[in-house]
Amino acid sequence: MSEDNTFNYESAMAQLKQLPDLYKEAATICMNECRYAVVTLSDKCVAAYEVAKCIYFCNPDKYFMP
């Protein structure tokens, strides 16, 4: 998350390199799908939840949140 409560897409994509190979492809797809998932900019916790929820529902079988 960025200071303005938006999803920091560039940072997330850079961190994907550190994921186990099992999760990389699915995580890349879900990061792209959930890039604009944040709707609630007024609350960082809610914004983070919105991103995590989107990533989970994108591919529940490959969900990975370190």
C-alpha atoms as a PDB file:
ATOM      1  CA  MET A   1       0.000   0.000   0.000  1.00  0.00           C
ATOM      2  CA  SER A   2       1.167   3.518  -0.769  1.00  0.00           C
ATOM      3  CA  GLU A   3       0.937   6.459   1.610  1.00  0.00           C
ATOM      4  CA  ASP A   4      -2.201   7.597  -0.225  1.00  0.00           C
ATOM      5  CA  ASN A   5      -3.818   4.180   0.490  1.00  0.00           C
ATOM      6  CA  THR A   6      -3.580   2.974  -3.093  1.00  0.00           C
ATOM      7  CA  PHE A   7      -2.173  -0.378  -4.117  1.00  0.00           C
ATOM      8  CA  ASN A   8       1.535  -0.030  -4.885  1.00  0.00           C
ATOM      9  CA  TYR A   9       1.516  -2.107  -8.062  1.00  0.00           C
ATOM     10  CA  GLU A  10       5.168  -1.537  -8.970  1.00  0.00           C
ATOM     11  CA  SER A  11       6.364  -2.667  -5.550  1.00  0.00           C
ATOM     12  CA  ALA A  12       4.092  -5.715  -5.593  1.00  0.00           C
ATOM     13  CA  MET A  13       5.345  -6.758  -9.026  1.00  0.00           C
ATOM     14  CA  ALA A  14       8.972  -6.369  -7.906  1.00  0.00           C
ATOM     15  CA  GLN A  15       8.324  -8.616  -4.909  1.00  0.00           C
ATOM     16  CA  LEU A  16       6.842 -11.402  -7.048  1.00  0.00           C
ATOM     17  CA  LYS A  17      10.376 -12.501  -7.926  1.00  0.00           C
ATOM     18  CA  GLN A  18      10.768 -13.679  -4.331  1.00  0.00           C
ATOM     19  CA  LEU A  19       7.719 -15.961  -4.348  1.00  0.00           C
ATOM     20  CA  PRO A  20       8.047 -19.724  -4.664  1.00  0.00           C
ATOM     21  CA  ASP A  21       7.741 -20.812  -8.305  1.00  0.00           C
ATOM     22  CA  LEU A  22       4.446 -22.533  -7.501  1.00  0.00           C
ATOM     23  CA  TYR A  23       2.791 -19.131  -6.946  1.00  0.00           C
ATOM     24  CA  LYS A  24       4.519 -16.782  -9.417  1.00  0.00           C
ATOM     25  CA  GLU A  25       2.259 -17.201 -12.457  1.00  0.00           C
ATOM     26  CA  ALA A  26      -1.004 -17.036 -10.514  1.00  0.00           C
ATOM     27  CA  ALA A  27       0.223 -14.106  -8.434  1.00  0.00           C
ATOM     28  CA  THR A  28       1.213 -12.166 -11.552  1.00  0.00           C
ATOM     29  CA  ILE A  29      -2.222 -12.675 -13.082  1.00  0.00           C
ATOM     30  CA  CYS A  30      -3.972 -11.678  -9.857  1.00  0.00           C
ATOM     31  CA  MET A  31      -1.782  -8.606  -9.301  1.00  0.00           C
ATOM     32  CA  ASN A  32      -2.750  -7.399 -12.756  1.00  0.00           C
ATOM     33  CA  GLU A  33      -6.421  -8.172 -12.151  1.00  0.00           C
ATOM     34  CA  CYS A  34      -6.455  -6.490  -8.739  1.00  0.00           C
ATOM     35  CA  ARG A  35      -4.351  -3.465  -9.617  1.00  0.00           C
ATOM     36  CA  TYR A  36      -7.326  -1.122  -9.170  1.00  0.00           C
ATOM     37  CA  ALA A  37      -9.222  -3.066  -6.489  1.00  0.00           C
ATOM     38  CA  VAL A  38      -8.919  -0.359  -3.837  1.00  0.00           C
ATOM     39  CA  VAL A  39     -12.149   1.595  -3.555  1.00  0.00           C
ATOM     40  CA  THR A  40     -11.887   2.950   0.003  1.00  0.00           C
ATOM     41  CA  LEU A  41      -9.026   5.449  -0.006  1.00  0.00           C
ATOM     42  CA  SER A  42      -9.996   6.969   3.353  1.00  0.00           C
ATOM     43  CA  ASP A  43      -8.987   3.915   5.427  1.00  0.00           C
ATOM     44  CA  LYS A  44      -5.699   2.064   4.888  1.00  0.00           C
ATOM     45  CA  CYS A  45      -6.930  -1.108   6.634  1.00  0.00           C
ATOM     46  CA  VAL A  46     -10.040  -1.332   4.477  1.00  0.00           C
ATOM     47  CA  ALA A  47      -7.992  -0.584   1.361  1.00  0.00           C
ATOM     48  CA  ALA A  48      -5.542  -3.396   2.201  1.00  0.00           C
ATOM     49  CA  TYR A  49      -8.477  -5.745   2.816  1.00  0.00           C
ATOM     50  CA  GLU A  50      -9.966  -4.872  -0.572  1.00  0.00           C
ATOM     51  CA  VAL A  51      -6.710  -5.803  -2.310  1.00  0.00           C
ATOM     52  CA  ALA A  52      -6.249  -9.019  -0.303  1.00  0.00           C
ATOM     53  CA  LYS A  53      -9.858 -10.040  -0.964  1.00  0.00           C
ATOM     54  CA  CYS A  54      -9.467  -9.433  -4.699  1.00  0.00           C
ATOM     55  CA  ILE A  55      -6.241 -11.456  -4.801  1.00  0.00           C
ATOM     56  CA  TYR A  56      -7.892 -14.313  -2.907  1.00  0.00           C
ATOM     57  CA  PHE A  57     -10.973 -14.486  -5.124  1.00  0.00           C
ATOM     58  CA  CYS A  58      -8.840 -14.190  -8.251  1.00  0.00           C
ATOM     59  CA  ASN A  59      -7.425 -17.678  -7.573  1.00  0.00           C
ATOM     60  CA  PRO A  60      -8.268 -19.186  -4.156  1.00  0.00           C
ATOM     61  CA  ASP A  61      -6.260 -22.358  -4.812  1.00  0.00           C
ATOM     62  CA  LYS A  62      -3.049 -20.387  -5.343  1.00  0.00           C
ATOM     63  CA  TYR A  63      -3.691 -17.638  -2.784  1.00  0.00           C
ATOM     64  CA  PHE A  64      -0.485 -16.698  -1.017  1.00  0.00           C
ATOM     65  CA  MET A  65      -0.099 -13.759   1.334  1.00  0.00           C
ATOM     66  CA  PRO A  66       3.306 -13.730   3.063  1.00  0.00           C
END
